[in-house]
Protein backbone atom coordinates (compact mmCIF):
# COMPACT_ATOMS: atom_id res chain seq x y z
CA UNK A 1 -17.32 -29.67 24.95
CA UNK A 2 -17.47 -27.20 22.10
CA UNK A 3 -17.48 -27.32 18.39
CA UNK A 4 -14.13 -25.98 18.06
CA UNK A 5 -14.88 -25.35 13.93
CA UNK A 6 -15.17 -21.88 13.00
CA UNK A 7 -18.42 -20.66 12.57
CA UNK A 8 -18.28 -18.69 9.31
CA UNK A 9 -18.21 -22.72 7.84
CA UNK A 10 -20.92 -23.01 4.95
CA UNK A 11 -24.63 -24.53 5.82
CA UNK A 12 -27.73 -24.79 4.23
CA UNK A 13 -28.65 -20.66 5.16
CA UNK A 14 -25.17 -20.17 2.58
CA UNK A 15 -26.85 -22.07 -0.26
CA UNK A 16 -30.55 -21.40 0.45
CA UNK A 17 -30.47 -17.46 -0.03
CA UNK A 18 -29.75 -17.87 -3.81
CA UNK A 19 -32.39 -20.39 -3.87
CA UNK A 20 -34.74 -17.69 -2.39
CA UNK A 21 -33.02 -14.94 -5.02
CA UNK A 22 -34.50 -17.70 -7.87
CA UNK A 23 -37.48 -18.35 -6.63
CA UNK A 24 -39.55 -14.92 -7.71
CA UNK A 25 -37.93 -15.99 -11.79
CA UNK A 26 -39.53 -19.17 -11.36
CA UNK A 27 -43.10 -17.39 -10.40
CA UNK A 28 -42.81 -15.66 -12.91
CA UNK A 29 -42.63 -17.92 -15.77
CA UNK A 30 -45.65 -19.71 -14.11
CA UNK A 31 -47.86 -16.08 -13.84
CA UNK A 32 -46.37 -14.25 -17.51
CA UNK A 33 -44.04 -14.89 -20.19
CA UNK A 34 -40.87 -12.80 -19.28
CA UNK A 35 -40.01 -10.56 -21.89
CA UNK A 36 -39.64 -6.87 -21.66
CA UNK A 37 -38.94 -5.26 -18.01
CA UNK A 38 -39.62 -9.33 -16.26
CA UNK A 39 -36.73 -10.31 -18.56
CA UNK A 40 -34.18 -7.91 -17.28
CA UNK A 41 -35.55 -8.61 -13.80
CA UNK A 42 -35.14 -11.98 -14.56
CA UNK A 43 -31.98 -12.03 -15.40
CA UNK A 44 -30.60 -10.02 -12.57
CA UNK A 45 -31.70 -12.18 -10.63
CA UNK A 46 -30.86 -15.06 -11.79
CA UNK A 47 -26.71 -12.50 -11.63
CA UNK A 48 -27.23 -12.23 -7.99
CA UNK A 49 -28.01 -15.39 -7.40
CA UNK A 50 -25.31 -16.82 -8.73
CA UNK A 51 -22.59 -14.61 -7.21
CA UNK A 52 -24.09 -15.54 -4.26
CA UNK A 53 -23.59 -18.64 -5.37
CA UNK A 54 -19.66 -17.87 -5.57
CA UNK A 55 -19.57 -16.17 -3.06
CA UNK A 56 -20.71 -19.76 -0.86
CA UNK A 57 -17.89 -21.52 -3.23
CA UNK A 58 -15.57 -18.53 -1.30
CA UNK A 59 -16.75 -19.45 1.84
CA UNK A 60 -16.77 -23.24 1.54
CA UNK A 61 -13.20 -22.50 0.09
CA UNK A 62 -12.14 -20.17 3.63
CA UNK A 63 -13.42 -22.09 6.25
CA UNK A 64 -14.92 -25.71 4.95
CA UNK A 65 -18.57 -26.64 5.03
CA UNK A 66 -20.59 -28.15 7.75
CA UNK A 67 -24.11 -30.90 8.59
CA UNK A 68 -25.82 -31.85 5.00
CA UNK A 69 -24.88 -27.91 3.50
CA UNK A 70 -23.62 -30.63 0.52
CA UNK A 71 -27.63 -31.58 -0.34
CA UNK A 72 -28.34 -27.83 -0.81
CA UNK A 73 -25.43 -27.10 -2.35
CA UNK A 74 -26.93 -29.17 -5.25
CA UNK A 75 -30.22 -28.39 -5.22
CA UNK A 76 -28.65 -24.41 -6.33
CA UNK A 77 -26.26 -25.47 -8.68
CA UNK A 78 -29.06 -27.49 -10.19
CA UNK A 79 -31.54 -24.29 -10.14
CA UNK A 80 -29.02 -22.29 -11.66
CA UNK A 81 -28.28 -24.29 -14.16
CA UNK A 82 -32.27 -24.81 -14.80
CA UNK A 83 -33.21 -21.34 -14.94
CA UNK A 84 -29.85 -20.83 -17.11
CA UNK A 85 -31.46 -23.22 -19.61
CA UNK A 86 -34.75 -21.07 -19.31
CA UNK A 87 -32.99 -18.15 -20.15
CA UNK A 88 -31.20 -18.54 -23.09
CA UNK A 89 -34.06 -20.77 -24.71
CA UNK A 90 -35.98 -18.11 -24.18
CA UNK A 91 -33.47 -15.17 -26.27
């Protein structure tokens, strides 16, 4: 039998894209002090990741979730909160 779930259900990939967006700010923090343009880039990437997370929640609300997506969901929310805390502590 075929899977009857909607193909647009949230999967690990739904939450994986925001994690990829949050990787550059983490690397910037490892190799440089995020000031000036770097700080603006970190904020822009954090906002983009937050928008992608919101889009992921819209997909969950509309179509449900499938597979092990909840573990990745928790991970992306933890990293998003950690990055926000680091950005707010900075200024």
